[in-house]
């Protein structure tokens, strides 16, 4: 029997919620936070976040969320990096890459080119493949748990990107706690839109 739209949506939500709850917690999330803190907050570097395709859109969101909560970060498109944008990478930066397959060609090339600029550049990888080529090139790897996509074809990045987003949020919140990021700090970075108005009306 064909499912109703409501049943389909409920199943999708349940599948994605289950995937988030199944992210392995015995991983070095604290190690990632400590690395970002040391390189960015102590040494004056920044986060360089990258991914290709749908993972790239998640990477862009992670970069902007980090920046808005006190940890400077930028998104670097892996293809544009090969046409000059690679120059944004400097000593003490951290490269955070997202690749569900763990072997995205453009990301592999980005890591290799970035290491030609700065040989000791630390790389953090978020991936769905523990055996991917990128694992060997990364200082710390966070595994998504490789959830099945809710796409009926099993191909379109859906659940995998949802899980990556949640992992980025976890890293961001841990960093906020570590640096003691407060409402006053937040207000200094948000002057426009609803959030800016809300924070101004709070009396800060």
N, C-alpha and C. Protein backbone atom coordinates (compact mmCIF):
# COMPACT_ATOMS: atom_id res chain seq x y z
N UNK A 1 0.85 -1.20 0.00
CA UNK A 1 0.00 0.00 0.00
C UNK A 1 0.88 1.25 0.00
N UNK A 2 0.53 2.20 -0.83
CA UNK A 2 1.30 3.42 -0.94
C UNK A 2 1.15 4.27 0.32
N UNK A 3 2.28 4.80 0.81
CA UNK A 3 2.25 5.63 2.01
C UNK A 3 1.66 7.00 1.69
N UNK A 4 0.99 7.58 2.69
CA UNK A 4 0.55 8.95 2.56
C UNK A 4 1.74 9.88 2.73
N UNK A 5 1.57 11.12 2.30
CA UNK A 5 2.65 12.09 2.46
C UNK A 5 3.01 12.25 3.93
N UNK A 6 2.00 12.24 4.78
CA UNK A 6 2.26 12.40 6.21
C UNK A 6 3.10 11.25 6.75
N UNK A 7 2.80 10.03 6.35
CA UNK A 7 3.57 8.87 6.81
C UNK A 7 5.00 8.91 6.28
N UNK A 8 5.14 9.33 5.03
CA UNK A 8 6.48 9.43 4.44
C UNK A 8 7.33 10.45 5.19
N UNK A 9 6.73 11.62 5.47
CA UNK A 9 7.46 12.66 6.19
C UNK A 9 7.83 12.17 7.59
N UNK A 10 6.91 11.50 8.27
CA UNK A 10 7.20 10.99 9.61
C UNK A 10 8.37 10.01 9.57
N UNK A 11 8.38 9.12 8.59
CA UNK A 11 9.46 8.14 8.47
C UNK A 11 10.80 8.81 8.17
N UNK A 12 10.76 9.85 7.35
CA UNK A 12 11.99 10.58 7.04
C UNK A 12 12.54 11.22 8.31
N UNK A 13 11.67 11.89 9.05
CA UNK A 13 12.11 12.54 10.29
C UNK A 13 12.66 11.52 11.28
N UNK A 14 11.99 10.37 11.39
CA UNK A 14 12.45 9.35 12.32
C UNK A 14 13.81 8.79 11.89
N UNK A 15 13.98 8.60 10.58
CA UNK A 15 15.24 8.07 10.08
C UNK A 15 16.39 9.03 10.33
N UNK A 16 16.15 10.31 10.10
CA UNK A 16 17.22 11.29 10.28
C UNK A 16 17.52 11.50 11.76
N UNK A 17 16.48 11.49 12.59
CA UNK A 17 16.71 11.61 14.03
C UNK A 17 17.50 10.41 14.55
N UNK A 18 17.18 9.22 14.05
CA UNK A 18 17.89 8.01 14.46
C UNK A 18 19.35 8.08 14.02
N UNK A 19 19.59 8.62 12.84
CA UNK A 19 20.96 8.74 12.34
C UNK A 19 21.79 9.66 13.23
N UNK A 20 21.19 10.77 13.65
CA UNK A 20 21.90 11.70 14.55
C UNK A 20 22.19 11.01 15.88
N UNK A 21 21.20 10.29 16.40
CA UNK A 21 21.39 9.60 17.68
C UNK A 21 22.39 8.45 17.58
N UNK A 22 22.70 8.03 16.36
CA UNK A 22 23.62 6.91 16.16
C UNK A 22 25.04 7.37 15.84
N UNK A 23 25.29 8.68 15.82
CA UNK A 23 26.66 9.16 15.61
C UNK A 23 27.54 8.59 16.73
N UNK A 24 28.62 7.93 16.39
CA UNK A 24 29.47 7.36 17.44
C UNK A 24 29.99 8.45 18.39
N UNK A 25 29.79 8.24 19.67
CA UNK A 25 30.20 9.23 20.66
C UNK A 25 31.58 8.94 21.24
N UNK A 26 32.14 7.77 20.92
CA UNK A 26 33.47 7.43 21.41
C UNK A 26 34.54 7.96 20.46
N UNK A 27 34.35 9.21 20.05
CA UNK A 27 35.27 9.84 19.11
C UNK A 27 35.89 11.07 19.77
N UNK A 28 36.91 11.61 19.13
CA UNK A 28 37.70 12.67 19.75
C UNK A 28 37.12 14.06 19.47
N UNK A 29 35.86 14.28 19.82
CA UNK A 29 35.28 15.60 19.66
C UNK A 29 36.06 16.62 20.48
N UNK A 30 36.45 16.23 21.69
CA UNK A 30 37.21 17.17 22.53
C UNK A 30 38.56 17.47 21.91
N UNK A 31 39.15 16.49 21.25
CA UNK A 31 40.42 16.73 20.58
C UNK A 31 40.30 17.75 19.47
N UNK A 32 39.19 17.70 18.74
CA UNK A 32 38.95 18.70 17.69
C UNK A 32 38.81 20.08 18.30
N UNK A 33 38.04 20.17 19.38
CA UNK A 33 37.85 21.45 20.05
C UNK A 33 39.16 21.99 20.59
N UNK A 34 39.96 21.13 21.20
CA UNK A 34 41.25 21.57 21.73
C UNK A 34 42.17 22.05 20.61
N UNK A 35 42.15 21.36 19.48
CA UNK A 35 42.98 21.76 18.34
C UNK A 35 42.55 23.12 17.80
N UNK A 36 41.25 23.31 17.63
CA UNK A 36 40.74 24.60 17.15
C UNK A 36 41.06 25.72 18.13
N UNK A 37 40.91 25.42 19.41
CA UNK A 37 41.21 26.43 20.43
C UNK A 37 42.68 26.83 20.38
N UNK A 38 43.55 25.85 20.31
CA UNK A 38 44.99 26.13 20.29
C UNK A 38 45.40 26.92 19.05
N UNK A 39 44.95 26.47 17.89
CA UNK A 39 45.38 27.11 16.64
C UNK A 39 44.74 28.48 16.44
N UNK A 40 43.47 28.60 16.79
CA UNK A 40 42.73 29.84 16.50
C UNK A 40 42.79 30.83 17.66
N UNK A 41 42.46 30.37 18.86
CA UNK A 41 42.35 31.29 19.98
C UNK A 41 43.68 31.58 20.67
N UNK A 42 44.61 30.65 20.57
CA UNK A 42 45.91 30.88 21.19
C UNK A 42 46.96 31.35 20.19
N UNK A 43 46.92 30.83 18.97
CA UNK A 43 47.96 31.16 17.99
C UNK A 43 47.51 32.15 16.92
N UNK A 44 46.23 32.54 16.94
CA UNK A 44 45.75 33.56 16.02
C UNK A 44 45.42 33.08 14.62
N UNK A 45 45.23 31.78 14.45
CA UNK A 45 44.84 31.25 13.15
C UNK A 45 43.33 31.36 12.94
N UNK A 46 42.82 30.60 11.99
CA UNK A 46 41.38 30.57 11.71
C UNK A 46 41.00 29.20 11.19
N UNK A 47 39.73 28.92 11.18
CA UNK A 47 39.25 27.68 10.60
C UNK A 47 39.01 27.87 9.11
N UNK A 48 39.47 26.92 8.31
CA UNK A 48 39.20 26.89 6.88
C UNK A 48 38.32 25.66 6.66
N UNK A 49 37.06 25.86 6.34
CA UNK A 49 36.12 24.75 6.23
C UNK A 49 35.78 24.52 4.77
N UNK A 50 35.82 23.26 4.33
CA UNK A 50 35.62 22.98 2.92
C UNK A 50 34.87 21.68 2.69
N UNK A 51 34.18 21.63 1.58
CA UNK A 51 33.48 20.43 1.15
C UNK A 51 33.01 20.67 -0.28
N UNK A 52 32.66 19.62 -0.96
CA UNK A 52 32.21 19.73 -2.35
C UNK A 52 30.74 19.36 -2.44
N UNK A 53 30.00 20.06 -3.29
CA UNK A 53 28.59 19.74 -3.47
C UNK A 53 27.77 20.03 -2.23
N UNK A 54 26.88 19.09 -1.87
CA UNK A 54 26.02 19.29 -0.70
C UNK A 54 26.83 19.39 0.58
N UNK A 55 27.90 18.62 0.67
CA UNK A 55 28.77 18.70 1.84
C UNK A 55 29.40 20.08 1.93
N UNK A 56 29.65 20.71 0.79
CA UNK A 56 30.19 22.06 0.77
C UNK A 56 29.22 23.07 1.35
N UNK A 57 27.93 22.87 1.09
CA UNK A 57 26.93 23.77 1.65
C UNK A 57 26.89 23.65 3.17
N UNK A 58 27.04 22.44 3.66
CA UNK A 58 27.11 22.24 5.11
C UNK A 58 28.39 22.88 5.67
N UNK A 59 29.49 22.72 4.95
CA UNK A 59 30.76 23.32 5.38
C UNK A 59 30.64 24.83 5.49
N UNK A 60 29.95 25.44 4.54
CA UNK A 60 29.74 26.90 4.57
C UNK A 60 28.96 27.29 5.81
N UNK A 61 27.94 26.52 6.13
CA UNK A 61 27.14 26.80 7.33
C UNK A 61 27.97 26.66 8.59
N UNK A 62 28.80 25.63 8.67
CA UNK A 62 29.65 25.44 9.84
C UNK A 62 30.60 26.62 10.01
N UNK A 63 31.18 27.08 8.90
CA UNK A 63 32.11 28.21 8.96
C UNK A 63 31.43 29.46 9.50
N UNK A 64 30.25 29.76 8.99
CA UNK A 64 29.57 30.98 9.43
C UNK A 64 29.08 30.86 10.87
N UNK A 65 28.68 29.66 11.27
CA UNK A 65 28.23 29.46 12.65
C UNK A 65 29.40 29.60 13.62
N UNK A 66 30.55 29.05 13.27
CA UNK A 66 31.73 29.23 14.10
C UNK A 66 32.08 30.71 14.24
N UNK A 67 32.09 31.42 13.13
CA UNK A 67 32.45 32.84 13.16
C UNK A 67 31.50 33.65 14.02
N UNK A 68 30.22 33.34 13.93
CA UNK A 68 29.23 34.11 14.67
C UNK A 68 29.26 33.82 16.16
N UNK A 69 29.96 32.76 16.54
CA UNK A 69 30.02 32.40 17.97
C UNK A 69 31.44 32.48 18.51
N UNK A 70 32.25 33.33 17.90
CA UNK A 70 33.53 33.68 18.50
C UNK A 70 34.76 32.95 18.00
N UNK A 71 34.60 32.05 17.04
CA UNK A 71 35.75 31.32 16.48
C UNK A 71 35.87 31.63 14.99
N UNK A 72 36.79 32.51 14.60
CA UNK A 72 36.89 32.93 13.21
C UNK A 72 37.10 31.75 12.25
N UNK A 73 36.26 31.71 11.22
CA UNK A 73 36.34 30.64 10.23
C UNK A 73 35.79 31.15 8.90
N UNK A 74 36.27 30.55 7.81
CA UNK A 74 35.80 30.91 6.48
C UNK A 74 35.56 29.63 5.69
N UNK A 75 34.71 29.72 4.69
CA UNK A 75 34.48 28.61 3.77
C UNK A 75 35.40 28.78 2.57
N UNK A 76 36.05 27.70 2.18
CA UNK A 76 36.91 27.70 0.99
C UNK A 76 36.39 26.65 0.02
N UNK A 77 35.96 27.11 -1.16
CA UNK A 77 35.48 26.16 -2.18
C UNK A 77 36.69 25.41 -2.73
N UNK A 78 36.67 24.09 -2.75
CA UNK A 78 37.85 23.34 -3.16
C UNK A 78 38.28 23.57 -4.60
N UNK A 79 37.31 23.86 -5.48
CA UNK A 79 37.68 24.13 -6.87
C UNK A 79 38.24 25.54 -7.03
N UNK A 80 37.62 26.51 -6.37
CA UNK A 80 38.13 27.89 -6.44
C UNK A 80 39.51 27.99 -5.80
N UNK A 81 39.80 27.09 -4.88
CA UNK A 81 41.12 27.10 -4.24
C UNK A 81 42.22 26.93 -5.28
N UNK A 82 41.93 26.18 -6.33
CA UNK A 82 42.92 25.92 -7.36
C UNK A 82 43.10 27.09 -8.33
N UNK A 83 42.30 28.11 -8.13
CA UNK A 83 42.39 29.30 -8.99
C UNK A 83 42.71 30.55 -8.17
N UNK A 84 43.48 30.35 -7.11
CA UNK A 84 43.99 31.49 -6.35
C UNK A 84 43.46 31.62 -4.94
N UNK A 85 42.27 31.08 -4.66
CA UNK A 85 41.70 31.25 -3.32
C UNK A 85 42.47 30.48 -2.25
N UNK A 86 43.33 29.57 -2.67
CA UNK A 86 44.18 28.85 -1.73
C UNK A 86 45.01 29.79 -0.87
N UNK A 87 45.24 30.98 -1.40
CA UNK A 87 46.06 31.96 -0.69
C UNK A 87 45.48 32.44 0.62
N UNK A 88 44.22 32.11 0.89
CA UNK A 88 43.61 32.52 2.16
C UNK A 88 44.17 31.72 3.33
N UNK A 89 44.79 30.58 3.05
CA UNK A 89 45.32 29.72 4.11
C UNK A 89 46.65 30.26 4.60
N UNK A 90 46.76 30.39 5.91
CA UNK A 90 47.99 30.89 6.52
C UNK A 90 48.44 29.95 7.63
N UNK A 91 49.66 30.21 8.09
CA UNK A 91 50.20 29.44 9.20
C UNK A 91 49.26 29.53 10.40
N UNK A 92 49.12 28.44 11.12
CA UNK A 92 48.29 28.32 12.32
C UNK A 92 46.81 28.12 12.03
N UNK A 93 46.42 28.11 10.75
CA UNK A 93 45.03 27.79 10.42
C UNK A 93 44.78 26.30 10.63
N UNK A 94 43.51 25.92 10.65
CA UNK A 94 43.09 24.52 10.70
C UNK A 94 42.17 24.27 9.52
N UNK A 95 42.45 23.21 8.76
CA UNK A 95 41.60 22.85 7.63
C UNK A 95 40.60 21.79 8.08
N UNK A 96 39.31 22.12 7.98
CA UNK A 96 38.24 21.20 8.34
C UNK A 96 37.54 20.80 7.06
N UNK A 97 37.59 19.51 6.72
CA UNK A 97 37.02 19.07 5.45
C UNK A 97 35.90 18.07 5.67
N UNK A 98 34.88 18.16 4.83
CA UNK A 98 33.74 17.26 4.88
C UNK A 98 33.69 16.45 3.59
N UNK A 99 33.64 15.14 3.74
CA UNK A 99 33.54 14.25 2.58
C UNK A 99 32.88 12.96 3.02
N UNK A 100 31.66 12.72 2.57
CA UNK A 100 30.95 11.52 2.97
C UNK A 100 31.68 10.27 2.48
N UNK A 101 32.21 10.33 1.27
CA UNK A 101 32.91 9.18 0.69
C UNK A 101 34.31 9.00 1.26
N UNK A 102 34.86 10.10 1.79
CA UNK A 102 36.23 10.05 2.29
C UNK A 102 37.28 10.05 1.21
N UNK A 103 36.86 10.27 -0.03
CA UNK A 103 37.80 10.24 -1.15
C UNK A 103 37.42 11.22 -2.25
N UNK A 104 36.72 12.29 -1.88
CA UNK A 104 36.32 13.30 -2.86
C UNK A 104 37.55 13.89 -3.53
N UNK A 105 37.61 13.80 -4.85
CA UNK A 105 38.81 14.21 -5.58
C UNK A 105 39.21 15.64 -5.27
N UNK A 106 38.26 16.56 -5.32
CA UNK A 106 38.58 17.96 -5.11
C UNK A 106 39.11 18.23 -3.70
N UNK A 107 38.61 17.48 -2.72
CA UNK A 107 39.08 17.66 -1.34
C UNK A 107 40.47 17.07 -1.17
N UNK A 108 40.73 15.92 -1.78
CA UNK A 108 42.07 15.35 -1.75
C UNK A 108 43.08 16.33 -2.35
N UNK A 109 42.72 16.93 -3.48
CA UNK A 109 43.61 17.89 -4.12
C UNK A 109 43.81 19.12 -3.25
N UNK A 110 42.74 19.56 -2.61
CA UNK A 110 42.84 20.72 -1.72
C UNK A 110 43.82 20.46 -0.58
N UNK A 111 43.69 19.31 0.06
CA UNK A 111 44.58 18.98 1.17
C UNK A 111 46.03 18.94 0.70
N UNK A 112 46.28 18.31 -0.44
CA UNK A 112 47.65 18.23 -0.96
C UNK A 112 48.21 19.61 -1.28
N UNK A 113 47.41 20.46 -1.92
CA UNK A 113 47.88 21.80 -2.27
C UNK A 113 48.10 22.65 -1.02
N UNK A 114 47.20 22.53 -0.05
CA UNK A 114 47.34 23.30 1.18
C UNK A 114 48.61 22.91 1.93
N UNK A 115 48.94 21.62 1.89
CA UNK A 115 50.14 21.15 2.58
C UNK A 115 51.41 21.61 1.85
N UNK A 116 51.30 21.91 0.56
CA UNK A 116 52.44 22.48 -0.15
C UNK A 116 52.73 23.90 0.32
N UNK A 117 51.67 24.60 0.73
CA UNK A 117 51.82 25.95 1.28
C UNK A 117 52.32 25.89 2.72
N UNK A 118 51.69 25.05 3.50
CA UNK A 118 52.01 24.94 4.93
C UNK A 118 52.05 23.46 5.27
N UNK A 119 53.24 22.93 5.33
CA UNK A 119 53.43 21.49 5.47
C UNK A 119 52.80 20.92 6.73
N UNK A 120 52.78 21.70 7.80
CA UNK A 120 52.28 21.21 9.09
C UNK A 120 50.80 21.54 9.31
N UNK A 121 50.10 22.01 8.29
CA UNK A 121 48.69 22.39 8.44
C UNK A 121 47.87 21.21 8.96
N UNK A 122 47.23 21.35 10.13
CA UNK A 122 46.41 20.25 10.66
C UNK A 122 45.09 20.15 9.92
N UNK A 123 44.66 18.92 9.68
CA UNK A 123 43.41 18.66 8.96
C UNK A 123 42.47 17.87 9.85
N UNK A 124 41.23 18.34 9.94
CA UNK A 124 40.16 17.63 10.63
C UNK A 124 39.18 17.15 9.56
N UNK A 125 38.82 15.88 9.61
CA UNK A 125 37.94 15.29 8.60
C UNK A 125 36.65 14.81 9.24
N UNK A 126 35.52 15.15 8.61
CA UNK A 126 34.22 14.58 8.96
C UNK A 126 33.78 13.74 7.77
N UNK A 127 33.58 12.44 7.99
CA UNK A 127 33.37 11.53 6.86
C UNK A 127 32.46 10.36 7.22
N UNK A 128 31.94 9.72 6.19
CA UNK A 128 31.16 8.51 6.37
C UNK A 128 31.94 7.26 6.02
N UNK A 129 33.23 7.42 5.76
CA UNK A 129 34.05 6.28 5.32
C UNK A 129 35.36 6.24 6.10
N UNK A 130 35.45 5.31 7.03
CA UNK A 130 36.66 5.18 7.85
C UNK A 130 37.87 4.74 7.04
N UNK A 131 37.63 4.17 5.87
CA UNK A 131 38.72 3.64 5.05
C UNK A 131 39.08 4.57 3.90
N UNK A 132 38.49 5.76 3.83
CA UNK A 132 38.74 6.66 2.72
C UNK A 132 40.16 7.20 2.71
N UNK A 133 40.61 7.63 1.55
CA UNK A 133 41.97 8.15 1.39
C UNK A 133 42.24 9.36 2.29
N UNK A 134 41.20 10.13 2.56
CA UNK A 134 41.39 11.35 3.35
C UNK A 134 41.75 11.06 4.81
N UNK A 135 41.39 9.88 5.29
CA UNK A 135 41.68 9.54 6.68
C UNK A 135 43.18 9.59 6.94
N UNK A 136 43.95 9.08 6.01
CA UNK A 136 45.41 9.04 6.17
C UNK A 136 46.03 10.42 6.12
N UNK A 137 45.32 11.40 5.59
CA UNK A 137 45.84 12.75 5.44
C UNK A 137 45.36 13.68 6.55
N UNK A 138 44.61 13.14 7.51
CA UNK A 138 43.98 13.96 8.54
C UNK A 138 44.55 13.68 9.92
N UNK A 139 44.65 14.73 10.73
CA UNK A 139 45.12 14.55 12.10
C UNK A 139 44.04 13.92 12.96
N UNK A 140 42.80 14.39 12.79
CA UNK A 140 41.67 13.84 13.54
C UNK A 140 40.53 13.55 12.57
N UNK A 141 39.94 12.38 12.67
CA UNK A 141 38.80 12.01 11.85
C UNK A 141 37.59 11.78 12.73
N UNK A 142 36.46 12.39 12.36
CA UNK A 142 35.18 12.15 13.03
C UNK A 142 34.29 11.38 12.05
N UNK A 143 33.78 10.24 12.49
CA UNK A 143 32.98 9.35 11.64
C UNK A 143 31.50 9.59 11.87
N UNK A 144 30.76 9.76 10.79
CA UNK A 144 29.33 10.06 10.89
C UNK A 144 28.49 8.86 11.29
N UNK A 145 29.02 7.67 11.13
CA UNK A 145 28.23 6.46 11.33
C UNK A 145 27.71 5.90 10.03
N UNK A 146 27.95 6.64 8.93
CA UNK A 146 27.55 6.23 7.58
C UNK A 146 26.07 5.85 7.51
N UNK A 147 25.19 6.79 7.82
CA UNK A 147 23.75 6.48 7.77
C UNK A 147 23.27 6.34 6.33
N UNK A 148 22.24 5.54 6.16
CA UNK A 148 21.62 5.40 4.83
C UNK A 148 20.89 6.69 4.49
N UNK A 149 20.97 7.09 3.24
CA UNK A 149 20.26 8.29 2.80
C UNK A 149 18.76 8.01 2.75
N UNK A 150 17.96 9.01 3.12
CA UNK A 150 16.50 8.84 3.04
C UNK A 150 16.00 9.05 1.62
N UNK A 151 16.84 9.57 0.75
CA UNK A 151 16.50 9.67 -0.67
C UNK A 151 16.04 8.31 -1.17
N UNK A 152 14.90 8.22 -1.88
CA UNK A 152 14.40 6.91 -2.32
C UNK A 152 15.37 6.17 -3.24
N UNK A 153 16.29 6.91 -3.86
CA UNK A 153 17.31 6.27 -4.70
C UNK A 153 18.51 5.82 -3.88
N UNK A 154 18.60 6.32 -2.63
CA UNK A 154 19.74 6.02 -1.80
C UNK A 154 21.00 6.71 -2.24
N UNK A 155 20.86 7.78 -3.01
CA UNK A 155 22.01 8.46 -3.60
C UNK A 155 22.16 9.91 -3.17
N UNK A 156 21.09 10.68 -3.20
CA UNK A 156 21.17 12.11 -2.92
C UNK A 156 21.58 12.36 -1.48
N UNK A 157 22.61 13.18 -1.24
CA UNK A 157 23.01 13.50 0.14
C UNK A 157 21.84 14.13 0.90
N UNK A 158 21.32 13.42 1.84
CA UNK A 158 20.19 13.88 2.66
C UNK A 158 20.52 13.62 4.13
N UNK A 159 20.41 12.37 4.53
CA UNK A 159 20.73 12.02 5.92
C UNK A 159 22.20 12.30 6.24
N UNK A 160 23.08 12.03 5.29
CA UNK A 160 24.52 12.24 5.55
C UNK A 160 24.83 13.69 5.84
N UNK A 161 24.18 14.61 5.13
CA UNK A 161 24.44 16.03 5.37
C UNK A 161 23.77 16.51 6.65
N UNK A 162 22.62 15.92 6.98
CA UNK A 162 21.97 16.25 8.26
C UNK A 162 22.88 15.89 9.42
N UNK A 163 23.50 14.72 9.34
CA UNK A 163 24.39 14.27 10.41
C UNK A 163 25.63 15.16 10.49
N UNK A 164 26.19 15.52 9.34
CA UNK A 164 27.36 16.42 9.33
C UNK A 164 27.02 17.76 9.97
N UNK A 165 25.83 18.27 9.69
CA UNK A 165 25.41 19.55 10.28
C UNK A 165 25.34 19.44 11.80
N UNK A 166 24.78 18.34 12.28
CA UNK A 166 24.66 18.15 13.73
C UNK A 166 26.04 18.06 14.37
N UNK A 167 26.97 17.41 13.71
CA UNK A 167 28.33 17.29 14.25
C UNK A 167 29.02 18.64 14.29
N UNK A 168 28.79 19.46 13.26
CA UNK A 168 29.32 20.82 13.26
C UNK A 168 28.75 21.64 14.40
N UNK A 169 27.45 21.47 14.66
CA UNK A 169 26.82 22.18 15.77
C UNK A 169 27.43 21.76 17.10
N UNK A 170 27.71 20.46 17.25
CA UNK A 170 28.30 19.97 18.49
C UNK A 170 29.67 20.58 18.73
N UNK A 171 30.49 20.64 17.68
CA UNK A 171 31.81 21.25 17.79
C UNK A 171 31.69 22.72 18.17
N UNK A 172 30.75 23.42 17.54
CA UNK A 172 30.55 24.84 17.81
C UNK A 172 30.16 25.08 19.27
N UNK A 173 29.22 24.31 19.78
CA UNK A 173 28.77 24.50 21.16
C UNK A 173 29.87 24.17 22.15
N UNK A 174 30.63 23.12 21.89
CA UNK A 174 31.75 22.79 22.77
C UNK A 174 32.77 23.92 22.81
N UNK A 175 33.02 24.53 21.65
CA UNK A 175 33.95 25.66 21.59
C UNK A 175 33.41 26.87 22.33
N UNK A 176 32.11 27.14 22.17
CA UNK A 176 31.50 28.25 22.90
C UNK A 176 31.69 28.08 24.39
N UNK A 177 31.50 26.85 24.87
CA UNK A 177 31.69 26.58 26.30
C UNK A 177 33.14 26.78 26.70
N UNK A 178 34.06 26.34 25.86
CA UNK A 178 35.48 26.41 26.19
C UNK A 178 35.97 27.85 26.27
N UNK A 179 35.48 28.73 25.37
CA UNK A 179 35.96 30.11 25.36
C UNK A 179 35.09 31.02 26.23
N UNK A 180 34.03 30.47 26.82
CA UNK A 180 33.16 31.27 27.68
C UNK A 180 32.36 32.31 26.90
N UNK A 181 31.94 31.95 25.70
CA UNK A 181 31.20 32.88 24.84
C UNK A 181 29.84 33.20 25.45
N UNK A 182 29.56 34.51 25.65
CA UNK A 182 28.32 34.90 26.34
C UNK A 182 27.44 35.79 25.48
N UNK A 183 26.34 36.26 26.06
CA UNK A 183 25.37 37.07 25.32
C UNK A 183 25.99 38.40 24.87
N UNK A 184 26.85 38.96 25.68
CA UNK A 184 27.50 40.21 25.30
C UNK A 184 28.41 39.99 24.08
N UNK A 185 29.14 38.90 24.08
CA UNK A 185 29.97 38.55 22.93
C UNK A 185 29.11 38.37 21.68
N UNK A 186 27.98 37.71 21.88
CA UNK A 186 27.07 37.47 20.76
C UNK A 186 26.53 38.78 20.19
N UNK A 187 26.18 39.69 21.09
CA UNK A 187 25.62 40.97 20.67
C UNK A 187 26.60 41.77 19.81
N UNK A 188 27.89 41.65 20.10
CA UNK A 188 28.89 42.39 19.33
C UNK A 188 28.99 41.91 17.89
N UNK A 189 28.49 40.71 17.62
CA UNK A 189 28.61 40.12 16.29
C UNK A 189 27.30 40.10 15.52
N UNK A 190 26.21 40.51 16.17
CA UNK A 190 24.89 40.47 15.52
C UNK A 190 24.20 41.82 15.69
N UNK A 191 24.24 42.61 14.64
CA UNK A 191 23.65 43.95 14.71
C UNK A 191 22.39 44.10 13.86
N UNK A 192 22.19 43.19 12.92
CA UNK A 192 21.05 43.32 12.03
C UNK A 192 20.06 42.18 12.17
N UNK A 193 18.89 42.37 11.59
CA UNK A 193 17.88 41.33 11.55
C UNK A 193 17.24 41.04 12.89
N UNK A 194 16.52 39.94 12.92
CA UNK A 194 15.77 39.56 14.12
C UNK A 194 16.68 39.33 15.32
N UNK A 195 17.80 38.61 15.09
CA UNK A 195 18.69 38.32 16.22
C UNK A 195 19.31 39.60 16.78
N UNK A 196 19.68 40.51 15.89
CA UNK A 196 20.25 41.78 16.36
C UNK A 196 19.25 42.56 17.20
N UNK A 197 17.99 42.60 16.74
CA UNK A 197 16.96 43.32 17.48
C UNK A 197 16.68 42.62 18.82
N UNK A 198 16.66 41.30 18.80
CA UNK A 198 16.38 40.56 20.02
C UNK A 198 17.45 40.79 21.08
N UNK A 199 18.71 40.78 20.64
CA UNK A 199 19.78 40.93 21.61
C UNK A 199 19.84 42.36 22.14
N UNK A 200 19.51 43.35 21.30
CA UNK A 200 19.48 44.74 21.79
C UNK A 200 18.38 44.97 22.80
N UNK A 201 17.23 44.33 22.56
CA UNK A 201 16.09 44.50 23.46
C UNK A 201 16.25 43.73 24.76
N UNK A 202 17.30 42.88 24.83
CA UNK A 202 17.50 42.11 26.07
C UNK A 202 18.19 42.93 27.15
N UNK A 203 18.63 44.17 26.77
CA UNK A 203 19.24 45.04 27.76
C UNK A 203 20.74 44.99 27.77
N UNK A 204 21.35 44.20 26.89
CA UNK A 204 22.82 44.15 26.83
C UNK A 204 23.35 45.32 26.03
